[in-house]
């Protein structure tokens, strides 16, 4: 079996962004939750551009509180949404 693939060199952060992009594009029930991951693209810019591409309902900032994370987790479970947080 001869498989030809293109080799692409990515940094660690770029590979994370690429993996998140693939998950979001392949499955409509996947969303991203996190502190400052929406507009700002996260501390290391690993989610940069994903909110513009997939919208605020799929790439969203969470409150800066543990209770907020728990509430968002409960919501995703009740709606059968797969969260990549």
PDB file of N, CA and C in Angstrom:
ATOM      1  N   UNK A   1       0.844  -1.175   0.000  1.00  0.00           N
ATOM      2  CA  UNK A   1       0.000   0.000   0.000  1.00  0.00           C
ATOM      3  C   UNK A   1       0.885   1.232   0.000  1.00  0.00           C
ATOM      4  N   UNK A   2       0.770   2.025  -1.016  1.00  0.00           N
ATOM      5  CA  UNK A   2       1.540   3.259  -1.131  1.00  0.00           C
ATOM      6  C   UNK A   2       0.633   4.444  -0.852  1.00  0.00           C
ATOM      7  N   UNK A   3       0.893   5.089   0.235  1.00  0.00           N
ATOM      8  CA  UNK A   3       0.120   6.264   0.597  1.00  0.00           C
ATOM      9  C   UNK A   3       1.018   7.481   0.555  1.00  0.00           C
ATOM     10  N   UNK A   4       0.602   8.476  -0.187  1.00  0.00           N
ATOM     11  CA  UNK A   4       1.375   9.710  -0.277  1.00  0.00           C
ATOM     12  C   UNK A   4       0.683  10.747   0.594  1.00  0.00           C
ATOM     13  N   UNK A   5       1.429  11.277   1.524  1.00  0.00           N
ATOM     14  CA  UNK A   5       0.890  12.324   2.390  1.00  0.00           C
ATOM     15  C   UNK A   5       1.826  13.517   2.366  1.00  0.00           C
ATOM     16  N   UNK A   6       1.250  14.666   2.546  1.00  0.00           N
ATOM     17  CA  UNK A   6       2.061  15.870   2.637  1.00  0.00           C
ATOM     18  C   UNK A   6       2.531  16.035   4.072  1.00  0.00           C
ATOM     19  N   UNK A   7       3.791  16.351   4.221  1.00  0.00           N
ATOM     20  CA  UNK A   7       4.341  16.587   5.549  1.00  0.00           C
ATOM     21  C   UNK A   7       4.193  18.067   5.870  1.00  0.00           C
ATOM     22  N   UNK A   8       3.628  18.327   7.029  1.00  0.00           N
ATOM     23  CA  UNK A   8       3.411  19.697   7.457  1.00  0.00           C
ATOM     24  C   UNK A   8       4.078  19.875   8.816  1.00  0.00           C
ATOM     25  N   UNK A   9       4.934  20.858   8.935  1.00  0.00           N
ATOM     26  CA  UNK A   9       5.611  21.130  10.199  1.00  0.00           C
ATOM     27  C   UNK A   9       4.805  22.170  10.971  1.00  0.00           C
ATOM     28  N   UNK A  10       4.421  21.794  12.196  1.00  0.00           N
ATOM     29  CA  UNK A  10       3.644  22.680  13.049  1.00  0.00           C
ATOM     30  C   UNK A  10       4.310  22.825  14.405  1.00  0.00           C
ATOM     31  N   UNK A  11       4.079  23.961  15.020  1.00  0.00           N
ATOM     32  CA  UNK A  11       4.501  24.106  16.409  1.00  0.00           C
ATOM     33  C   UNK A  11       3.502  23.347  17.276  1.00  0.00           C
ATOM     34  N   UNK A  12       3.800  23.208  18.545  1.00  0.00           N
ATOM     35  CA  UNK A  12       2.899  22.513  19.467  1.00  0.00           C
ATOM     36  C   UNK A  12       1.540  23.205  19.516  1.00  0.00           C
ATOM     37  N   UNK A  13       1.534  24.522  19.633  1.00  0.00           N
ATOM     38  CA  UNK A  13       0.277  25.274  19.705  1.00  0.00           C
ATOM     39  C   UNK A  13      -0.488  25.171  18.386  1.00  0.00           C
ATOM     40  N   UNK A  14       0.196  25.242  17.262  1.00  0.00           N
ATOM     41  CA  UNK A  14      -0.464  25.101  15.966  1.00  0.00           C
ATOM     42  C   UNK A  14      -1.119  23.732  15.807  1.00  0.00           C
ATOM     43  N   UNK A  15      -0.470  22.700  16.327  1.00  0.00           N
ATOM     44  CA  UNK A  15      -1.055  21.355  16.228  1.00  0.00           C
ATOM     45  C   UNK A  15      -2.313  21.235  17.091  1.00  0.00           C
ATOM     46  N   UNK A  16      -2.336  21.913  18.238  1.00  0.00           N
ATOM     47  CA  UNK A  16      -3.540  21.927  19.079  1.00  0.00           C
ATOM     48  C   UNK A  16      -4.661  22.660  18.350  1.00  0.00           C
ATOM     49  N   UNK A  17      -4.361  23.820  17.768  1.00  0.00           N
ATOM     50  CA  UNK A  17      -5.351  24.574  17.012  1.00  0.00           C
ATOM     51  C   UNK A  17      -5.904  23.744  15.865  1.00  0.00           C
ATOM     52  N   UNK A  18      -5.028  23.055  15.162  1.00  0.00           N
ATOM     53  CA  UNK A  18      -5.431  22.211  14.037  1.00  0.00           C
ATOM     54  C   UNK A  18      -6.358  21.080  14.498  1.00  0.00           C
ATOM     55  N   UNK A  19      -6.020  20.449  15.605  1.00  0.00           N
ATOM     56  CA  UNK A  19      -6.846  19.357  16.128  1.00  0.00           C
ATOM     57  C   UNK A  19      -8.221  19.859  16.557  1.00  0.00           C
ATOM     58  N   UNK A  20      -8.273  21.012  17.218  1.00  0.00           N
ATOM     59  CA  UNK A  20      -9.555  21.591  17.621  1.00  0.00           C
ATOM     60  C   UNK A  20     -10.384  21.966  16.399  1.00  0.00           C
ATOM     61  N   UNK A  21      -9.738  22.492  15.386  1.00  0.00           N
ATOM     62  CA  UNK A  21     -10.424  22.854  14.144  1.00  0.00           C
ATOM     63  C   UNK A  21     -11.034  21.625  13.483  1.00  0.00           C
ATOM     64  N   UNK A  22     -10.301  20.529  13.466  1.00  0.00           N
ATOM     65  CA  UNK A  22     -10.809  19.285  12.884  1.00  0.00           C
ATOM     66  C   UNK A  22     -12.033  18.792  13.653  1.00  0.00           C
ATOM     67  N   UNK A  23     -11.950  18.778  14.979  1.00  0.00           N
ATOM     68  CA  UNK A  23     -13.086  18.324  15.799  1.00  0.00           C
ATOM     69  C   UNK A  23     -14.320  19.192  15.561  1.00  0.00           C
ATOM     70  N   UNK A  24     -14.138  20.499  15.532  1.00  0.00           N
ATOM     71  CA  UNK A  24     -15.267  21.402  15.315  1.00  0.00           C
ATOM     72  C   UNK A  24     -15.868  21.247  13.922  1.00  0.00           C
ATOM     73  N   UNK A  25     -15.028  21.002  12.936  1.00  0.00           N
ATOM     74  CA  UNK A  25     -15.530  20.879  11.559  1.00  0.00           C
ATOM     75  C   UNK A  25     -16.240  19.544  11.319  1.00  0.00           C
ATOM     76  N   UNK A  26     -15.802  18.492  11.989  1.00  0.00           N
ATOM     77  CA  UNK A  26     -16.372  17.162  11.751  1.00  0.00           C
ATOM     78  C   UNK A  26     -17.614  16.865  12.571  1.00  0.00           C
ATOM     79  N   UNK A  27     -17.771  17.510  13.709  1.00  0.00           N
ATOM     80  CA  UNK A  27     -18.884  17.191  14.607  1.00  0.00           C
ATOM     81  C   UNK A  27     -19.569  18.462  15.084  1.00  0.00           C
ATOM     82  N   UNK A  28     -20.831  18.586  14.747  1.00  0.00           N
ATOM     83  CA  UNK A  28     -21.572  19.794  15.110  1.00  0.00           C
ATOM     84  C   UNK A  28     -21.910  19.867  16.585  1.00  0.00           C
ATOM     85  N   UNK A  29     -21.798  18.749  17.318  1.00  0.00           N
ATOM     86  CA  UNK A  29     -22.118  18.773  18.747  1.00  0.00           C
ATOM     87  C   UNK A  29     -20.888  19.018  19.616  1.00  0.00           C
ATOM     88  N   UNK A  30     -19.780  19.447  19.008  1.00  0.00           N
ATOM     89  CA  UNK A  30     -18.560  19.779  19.754  1.00  0.00           C
ATOM     90  C   UNK A  30     -18.497  21.282  19.958  1.00  0.00           C
ATOM     91  N   UNK A  31     -18.152  21.686  21.179  1.00  0.00           N
ATOM     92  CA  UNK A  31     -17.933  23.097  21.442  1.00  0.00           C
ATOM     93  C   UNK A  31     -16.729  23.259  22.353  1.00  0.00           C
ATOM     94  N   UNK A  32     -16.196  24.465  22.366  1.00  0.00           N
ATOM     95  CA  UNK A  32     -15.036  24.785  23.207  1.00  0.00           C
ATOM     96  C   UNK A  32     -15.458  25.762  24.288  1.00  0.00           C
ATOM     97  N   UNK A  33     -15.059  25.477  25.510  1.00  0.00           N
ATOM     98  CA  UNK A  33     -15.335  26.343  26.650  1.00  0.00           C
ATOM     99  C   UNK A  33     -14.020  26.673  27.330  1.00  0.00           C
ATOM    100  N   UNK A  34     -13.812  27.917  27.699  1.00  0.00           N
ATOM    101  CA  UNK A  34     -12.584  28.257  28.413  1.00  0.00           C
ATOM    102  C   UNK A  34     -12.483  29.737  28.706  1.00  0.00           C
ATOM    103  N   UNK A  35     -11.560  30.074  29.557  1.00  0.00           N
ATOM    104  CA  UNK A  35     -11.332  31.474  29.928  1.00  0.00           C
ATOM    105  C   UNK A  35     -10.554  32.176  28.824  1.00  0.00           C
ATOM    106  N   UNK A  36     -11.139  33.220  28.277  1.00  0.00           N
ATOM    107  CA  UNK A  36     -10.511  34.056  27.233  1.00  0.00           C
ATOM    108  C   UNK A  36     -10.145  33.300  25.961  1.00  0.00           C
ATOM    109  N   UNK A  37     -10.862  32.234  25.628  1.00  0.00           N
ATOM    110  CA  UNK A  37     -10.528  31.502  24.400  1.00  0.00           C
ATOM    111  C   UNK A  37     -11.276  32.025  23.186  1.00  0.00           C
ATOM    112  N   UNK A  38     -12.301  32.835  23.398  1.00  0.00           N
ATOM    113  CA  UNK A  38     -13.117  33.345  22.299  1.00  0.00           C
ATOM    114  C   UNK A  38     -12.412  34.428  21.511  1.00  0.00           C
ATOM    115  N   UNK A  39     -12.688  35.670  21.844  1.00  0.00           N
ATOM    116  CA  UNK A  39     -12.106  36.804  21.124  1.00  0.00           C
ATOM    117  C   UNK A  39     -10.586  36.822  21.201  1.00  0.00           C
ATOM    118  N   UNK A  40     -10.045  36.538  22.383  1.00  0.00           N
ATOM    119  CA  UNK A  40      -8.593  36.634  22.575  1.00  0.00           C
ATOM    120  C   UNK A  40      -7.826  35.432  22.038  1.00  0.00           C
ATOM    121  N   UNK A  41      -8.484  34.318  21.810  1.00  0.00           N
ATOM    122  CA  UNK A  41      -7.796  33.145  21.289  1.00  0.00           C
ATOM    123  C   UNK A  41      -6.992  32.388  22.331  1.00  0.00           C
ATOM    124  N   UNK A  42      -7.228  32.658  23.594  1.00  0.00           N
ATOM    125  CA  UNK A  42      -6.513  31.955  24.659  1.00  0.00           C
ATOM    126  C   UNK A  42      -5.164  32.569  24.954  1.00  0.00           C
ATOM    127  N   UNK A  43      -4.598  32.167  26.062  1.00  0.00           N
ATOM    128  CA  UNK A  43      -3.317  32.717  26.504  1.00  0.00           C
ATOM    129  C   UNK A  43      -2.211  32.474  25.476  1.00  0.00           C
ATOM    130  N   UNK A  44      -2.183  31.282  24.901  1.00  0.00           N
ATOM    131  CA  UNK A  44      -1.137  30.939  23.932  1.00  0.00           C
ATOM    132  C   UNK A  44      -1.637  31.022  22.491  1.00  0.00           C
ATOM    133  N   UNK A  45      -2.836  31.585  22.309  1.00  0.00           N
ATOM    134  CA  UNK A  45      -3.470  31.740  20.999  1.00  0.00           C
ATOM    135  C   UNK A  45      -3.797  30.399  20.332  1.00  0.00           C
ATOM    136  N   UNK A  46      -4.043  29.374  21.122  1.00  0.00           N
ATOM    137  CA  UNK A  46      -4.348  28.048  20.583  1.00  0.00           C
ATOM    138  C   UNK A  46      -5.737  27.971  19.953  1.00  0.00           C
ATOM    139  N   UNK A  47      -6.617  28.903  20.299  1.00  0.00           N
ATOM    140  CA  UNK A  47      -7.958  28.903  19.711  1.00  0.00           C
ATOM    141  C   UNK A  47      -8.182  30.121  18.815  1.00  0.00           C
ATOM    142  N   UNK A  48      -7.113  30.784  18.442  1.00  0.00           N
ATOM    143  CA  UNK A  48      -7.206  31.994  17.630  1.00  0.00           C
ATOM    144  C   UNK A  48      -7.887  31.700  16.295  1.00  0.00           C
ATOM    145  N   UNK A  49      -8.909  32.489  15.994  1.00  0.00           N
ATOM    146  CA  UNK A  49      -9.622  32.356  14.725  1.00  0.00           C
ATOM    147  C   UNK A  49     -10.777  31.361  14.744  1.00  0.00           C
ATOM    148  N   UNK A  50     -10.853  30.523  15.765  1.00  0.00           N
ATOM    149  CA  UNK A  50     -11.898  29.505  15.799  1.00  0.00           C
ATOM    150  C   UNK A  50     -13.273  30.097  16.106  1.00  0.00           C
ATOM    151  N   UNK A  51     -13.337  31.132  16.934  1.00  0.00           N
ATOM    152  CA  UNK A  51     -14.635  31.738  17.226  1.00  0.00           C
ATOM    153  C   UNK A  51     -15.183  32.434  15.975  1.00  0.00           C
ATOM    154  N   UNK A  52     -14.336  33.080  15.221  1.00  0.00           N
ATOM    155  CA  UNK A  52     -14.781  33.722  13.986  1.00  0.00           C
ATOM    156  C   UNK A  52     -15.272  32.679  12.983  1.00  0.00           C
ATOM    157  N   UNK A  53     -14.610  31.544  12.939  1.00  0.00           N
ATOM    158  CA  UNK A  53     -14.949  30.496  11.971  1.00  0.00           C
ATOM    159  C   UNK A  53     -16.210  29.727  12.356  1.00  0.00           C
ATOM    160  N   UNK A  54     -16.391  29.425  13.655  1.00  0.00           N
ATOM    161  CA  UNK A  54     -17.488  28.560  14.095  1.00  0.00           C
ATOM    162  C   UNK A  54     -18.565  29.279  14.907  1.00  0.00           C
ATOM    163  N   UNK A  55     -18.336  30.518  15.271  1.00  0.00           N
ATOM    164  CA  UNK A  55     -19.337  31.298  15.972  1.00  0.00           C
ATOM    165  C   UNK A  55     -19.211  31.270  17.481  1.00  0.00           C
ATOM    166  N   UNK A  56     -19.873  32.244  18.099  1.00  0.00           N
ATOM    167  CA  UNK A  56     -19.805  32.407  19.553  1.00  0.00           C
ATOM    168  C   UNK A  56     -20.544  31.314  20.314  1.00  0.00           C
ATOM    169  N   UNK A  57     -21.442  30.605  19.660  1.00  0.00           N
ATOM    170  CA  UNK A  57     -22.182  29.540  20.340  1.00  0.00           C
ATOM    171  C   UNK A  57     -21.378  28.250  20.432  1.00  0.00           C
ATOM    172  N   UNK A  58     -20.289  28.136  19.656  1.00  0.00           N
ATOM    173  CA  UNK A  58     -19.484  26.916  19.696  1.00  0.00           C
ATOM    174  C   UNK A  58     -18.106  27.138  20.295  1.00  0.00           C
ATOM    175  N   UNK A  59     -17.623  28.355  20.309  1.00  0.00           N
ATOM    176  CA  UNK A  59     -16.341  28.693  20.936  1.00  0.00           C
ATOM    177  C   UNK A  59     -16.636  29.848  21.886  1.00  0.00           C
ATOM    178  N   UNK A  60     -16.789  29.518  23.173  1.00  0.00           N
ATOM    179  CA  UNK A  60     -17.248  30.547  24.101  1.00  0.00           C
ATOM    180  C   UNK A  60     -16.380  30.687  25.338  1.00  0.00           C
ATOM    181  N   UNK A  61     -16.319  31.928  25.782  1.00  0.00           N
ATOM    182  CA  UNK A  61     -15.608  32.239  27.015  1.00  0.00           C
ATOM    183  C   UNK A  61     -16.462  31.826  28.206  1.00  0.00           C
ATOM    184  N   UNK A  62     -15.802  31.337  29.239  1.00  0.00           N
ATOM    185  CA  UNK A  62     -16.501  30.960  30.462  1.00  0.00           C
ATOM    186  C   UNK A  62     -16.222  32.003  31.534  1.00  0.00           C
ATOM    187  N   UNK A  63     -17.059  32.034  32.550  1.00  0.00           N
ATOM    188  CA  UNK A  63     -16.791  32.941  33.666  1.00  0.00           C
ATOM    189  C   UNK A  63     -15.509  32.525  34.397  1.00  0.00           C
ATOM    190  N   UNK A  64     -14.916  33.462  35.080  1.00  0.00           N
ATOM    191  CA  UNK A  64     -13.700  33.176  35.834  1.00  0.00           C
ATOM    192  C   UNK A  64     -14.058  32.644  37.223  1.00  0.00           C
ATOM    193  N   UNK A  65     -14.799  31.559  37.258  1.00  0.00           N
ATOM    194  CA  UNK A  65     -15.188  30.971  38.540  1.00  0.00           C
ATOM    195  C   UNK A  65     -15.370  29.474  38.384  1.00  0.00           C
ATOM    196  N   UNK A  66     -15.046  28.753  39.432  1.00  0.00           N
ATOM    197  CA  UNK A  66     -15.216  27.304  39.414  1.00  0.00           C
ATOM    198  C   UNK A  66     -16.691  26.931  39.276  1.00  0.00           C
ATOM    199  N   UNK A  67     -17.561  27.658  39.946  1.00  0.00           N
ATOM    200  CA  UNK A  67     -18.994  27.382  39.866  1.00  0.00           C
ATOM    201  C   UNK A  67     -19.497  27.569  38.426  1.00  0.00           C
ATOM    202  N   UNK A  68     -18.916  28.535  37.723  1.00  0.00           N
ATOM    203  CA  UNK A  68     -19.286  28.755  36.331  1.00  0.00           C
ATOM    204  C   UNK A  68     -18.929  27.576  35.452  1.00  0.00           C
ATOM    205  N   UNK A  69     -17.740  27.007  35.683  1.00  0.00           N
ATOM    206  CA  UNK A  69     -17.318  25.833  34.922  1.00  0.00           C
ATOM    207  C   UNK A  69     -18.243  24.648  35.190  1.00  0.00           C
ATOM    208  N   UNK A  70     -18.600  24.452  36.440  1.00  0.00           N
ATOM    209  CA  UNK A  70     -19.492  23.352  36.801  1.00  0.00           C
ATOM    210  C   UNK A  70     -20.848  23.542  36.130  1.00  0.00           C
ATOM    211  N   UNK A  71     -21.353  24.757  36.152  1.00  0.00           N
ATOM    212  CA  UNK A  71     -22.634  25.043  35.511  1.00  0.00           C
ATOM    213  C   UNK A  71     -22.598  24.794  34.017  1.00  0.00           C
ATOM    214  N   UNK A  72     -21.533  25.207  33.364  1.00  0.00           N
ATOM    215  CA  UNK A  72     -21.404  24.978  31.920  1.00  0.00           C
ATOM    216  C   UNK A  72     -21.276  23.484  31.626  1.00  0.00           C
ATOM    217  N   UNK A  73     -20.560  22.763  32.472  1.00  0.00           N
ATOM    218  CA  UNK A  73     -20.435  21.320  32.298  1.00  0.00           C
ATOM    219  C   UNK A  73     -21.767  20.611  32.441  1.00  0.00           C
ATOM    220  N   UNK A  74     -22.552  21.020  33.432  1.00  0.00           N
ATOM    221  CA  UNK A  74     -23.888  20.448  33.610  1.00  0.00           C
ATOM    222  C   UNK A  74     -24.761  20.718  32.392  1.00  0.00           C
ATOM    223  N   UNK A  75     -24.676  21.925  31.873  1.00  0.00           N
ATOM    224  CA  UNK A  75     -25.479  22.291  30.708  1.00  0.00           C
ATOM    225  C   UNK A  75     -25.104  21.439  29.498  1.00  0.00           C
ATOM    226  N   UNK A  76     -23.792  21.254  29.240  1.00  0.00           N
ATOM    227  CA  UNK A  76     -23.386  20.468  28.075  1.00  0.00           C
ATOM    228  C   UNK A  76     -23.848  19.023  28.204  1.00  0.00           C
ATOM    229  N   UNK A  77     -23.792  18.476  29.410  1.00  0.00           N
ATOM    230  CA  UNK A  77     -24.246  17.097  29.611  1.00  0.00           C
ATOM    231  C   UNK A  77     -25.747  16.975  29.386  1.00  0.00           C
ATOM    232  N   UNK A  78     -26.499  17.941  29.854  1.00  0.00           N
ATOM    233  CA  UNK A  78     -27.952  17.865  29.710  1.00  0.00           C
ATOM    234  C   UNK A  78     -28.396  18.041  28.265  1.00  0.00           C
ATOM    235  N   UNK A  79     -27.577  18.690  27.451  1.00  0.00           N
ATOM    236  CA  UNK A  79     -27.916  18.928  26.053  1.00  0.00           C
ATOM    237  C   UNK A  79     -27.229  17.926  25.109  1.00  0.00           C
ATOM    238  N   UNK A  80     -26.507  16.976  25.616  1.00  0.00           N
ATOM    239  CA  UNK A  80     -25.764  15.984  24.817  1.00  0.00           C
ATOM    240  C   UNK A  80     -24.766  16.652  23.880  1.00  0.00           C
ATOM    241  N   UNK A  81     -24.094  17.650  24.418  1.00  0.00           N
ATOM    242  CA  UNK A  81     -23.076  18.350  23.649  1.00  0.00           C
ATOM    243  C   UNK A  81     -21.721  17.833  24.104  1.00  0.00           C
ATOM    244  N   UNK A  82     -20.825  17.649  23.172  1.00  0.00           N
ATOM    245  CA  UNK A  82     -19.484  17.186  23.521  1.00  0.00           C
ATOM    246  C   UNK A  82     -18.578  18.397  23.684  1.00  0.00           C
ATOM    247  N   UNK A  83     -18.042  18.549  24.868  1.00  0.00           N
ATOM    248  CA  UNK A  83     -17.214  19.707  25.180  1.00  0.00           C
ATOM    249  C   UNK A  83     -15.734  19.344  25.136  1.00  0.00           C
ATOM    250  N   UNK A  84     -14.947  20.200  24.493  1.00  0.00           N
ATOM    251  CA  UNK A  84     -13.489  20.049  24.489  1.00  0.00           C
ATOM    252  C   UNK A  84     -12.926  21.134  25.394  1.00  0.00           C
ATOM    253  N   UNK A  85     -13.069  20.970  26.715  1.00  0.00           N
ATOM    254  CA  UNK A  85     -12.612  22.016  27.621  1.00  0.00           C
ATOM    255  C   UNK A  85     -11.386  21.619  28.384  1.00  0.00           C
TER     256      UNK A  85
END
